[in-house]
Amino acid sequence: MYAAVRRYEGVTDSAEAARLVNEGFVPLMRQVSGFVAYYWIDTGDGVMVSTSVFQDQAGADESVSRAADFVRDNLASLLPNPPQVMAGEVVASA
């Protein structure tokens, strides 16, 4: 399995960002080949984190690309700063 984690700082409206992600982005993630799971986390203080899990690296890479497009097209005013993106192989899980 592979995962991609994106950390967004300076979120201007976490409730609206969550609504748009849930209604618009989650369905896009489910369409990516090898989809396992997706999580959108509000850590407070204007920080939100997304975690995408896929069966292979191609799916994780695709999620990063789709996330960039979705943020640009739908969330730019709510997520004004570029995310910190990390991705790699899942080497332990429970």
Protein backbone atom coordinates (compact mmCIF):
# COMPACT_ATOMS: atom_id res chain seq x y z
CA MET A 1 0.00 0.00 0.00
CA TYR A 2 0.98 3.61 -0.54
CA ALA A 3 -0.19 6.79 1.16
CA ALA A 4 -0.11 10.49 0.39
CA VAL A 5 -0.39 13.07 3.17
CA ARG A 6 -1.06 16.75 2.52
CA ARG A 7 -0.88 19.39 5.27
CA TYR A 8 -2.65 22.70 4.68
CA GLU A 9 -1.95 25.75 6.87
CA GLY A 10 -3.83 29.04 6.97
CA VAL A 11 -7.23 27.49 6.30
CA THR A 12 -9.74 30.35 6.37
CA ASP A 13 -12.96 28.35 6.93
CA SER A 14 -12.47 24.77 8.06
CA ALA A 15 -16.19 23.90 8.08
CA GLU A 16 -16.67 25.04 4.48
CA ALA A 17 -13.46 23.32 3.38
CA ALA A 18 -14.68 20.09 4.98
CA ARG A 19 -18.05 20.38 3.24
CA LEU A 20 -16.49 20.95 -0.17
CA VAL A 21 -13.98 18.13 0.29
CA ASN A 22 -16.68 15.72 1.43
CA GLU A 23 -19.09 16.61 -1.39
CA GLY A 24 -16.61 17.12 -4.22
CA PHE A 25 -13.21 15.60 -3.57
CA VAL A 26 -14.09 12.35 -1.78
CA PRO A 27 -16.04 11.09 -4.83
CA LEU A 28 -12.99 11.85 -7.02
CA MET A 29 -10.75 9.82 -4.72
CA ARG A 30 -13.09 6.84 -4.86
CA GLN A 31 -12.67 6.80 -8.66
CA VAL A 32 -8.88 6.45 -8.52
CA SER A 33 -7.68 2.92 -9.25
CA GLY A 34 -6.52 1.08 -6.13
CA PHE A 35 -8.40 3.36 -3.70
CA VAL A 36 -8.36 2.09 -0.10
CA ALA A 37 -9.24 5.05 2.15
CA TYR A 38 -9.33 8.84 2.42
CA TYR A 39 -9.34 11.03 5.53
CA TRP A 40 -9.71 14.83 5.91
CA ILE A 41 -8.66 15.95 9.38
CA ASP A 42 -9.22 19.29 11.10
CA THR A 43 -6.31 19.65 13.54
CA GLY A 44 -7.42 23.10 14.66
CA ASP A 45 -5.71 26.49 14.46
CA GLY A 46 -6.25 26.74 10.69
CA VAL A 47 -4.52 23.46 9.88
CA MET A 48 -6.12 20.60 7.98
CA VAL A 49 -4.51 17.34 6.87
CA SER A 50 -5.59 14.85 4.24
CA THR A 51 -4.46 11.25 4.02
CA SER A 52 -5.09 9.11 0.95
CA VAL A 53 -4.33 5.37 0.95
CA PHE A 54 -4.03 3.28 -2.22
CA GLN A 55 -2.99 -0.20 -3.19
CA ASP A 56 -0.12 1.08 -5.33
CA GLN A 57 2.10 4.08 -5.91
CA ALA A 58 0.27 5.08 -9.09
CA GLY A 59 -2.92 5.65 -7.10
CA ALA A 60 -1.14 7.72 -4.47
CA ASP A 61 0.53 9.80 -7.17
CA GLU A 62 -2.81 10.31 -8.91
CA SER A 63 -4.35 11.49 -5.64
CA VAL A 64 -1.69 14.19 -5.28
CA SER A 65 -2.38 15.42 -8.80
CA ARG A 66 -6.16 15.40 -8.34
CA ALA A 67 -5.84 17.18 -4.99
CA ALA A 68 -3.80 19.98 -6.55
CA ASP A 69 -6.38 20.42 -9.31
CA PHE A 70 -9.33 20.32 -6.90
CA VAL A 71 -7.78 22.86 -4.53
CA ARG A 72 -6.92 25.19 -7.41
CA ASP A 73 -10.42 24.94 -8.91
CA ASN A 74 -12.57 24.81 -5.75
CA LEU A 75 -10.70 25.67 -2.55
CA ALA A 76 -8.13 28.35 -3.40
CA SER A 77 -9.77 31.00 -1.22
CA LEU A 78 -10.10 28.60 1.73
CA LEU A 79 -6.66 26.99 1.42
CA PRO A 80 -4.49 29.95 0.43
CA ASN A 81 -1.10 28.34 1.10
CA PRO A 82 0.46 25.47 -0.84
CA PRO A 83 0.36 22.20 1.09
CA GLN A 84 3.26 20.23 2.46
CA VAL A 85 3.03 16.94 0.54
CA MET A 86 4.52 13.66 1.66
CA ALA A 87 3.98 10.28 0.02
CA GLY A 88 5.43 6.82 0.27
CA GLU A 89 5.01 3.15 0.87
CA VAL A 90 3.03 2.08 3.92
CA VAL A 91 5.47 -0.12 5.85
CA ALA A 92 3.31 -0.82 8.92
CA SER A 93 -0.42 -0.67 9.56
CA ALA A 94 -3.09 -1.92 11.94
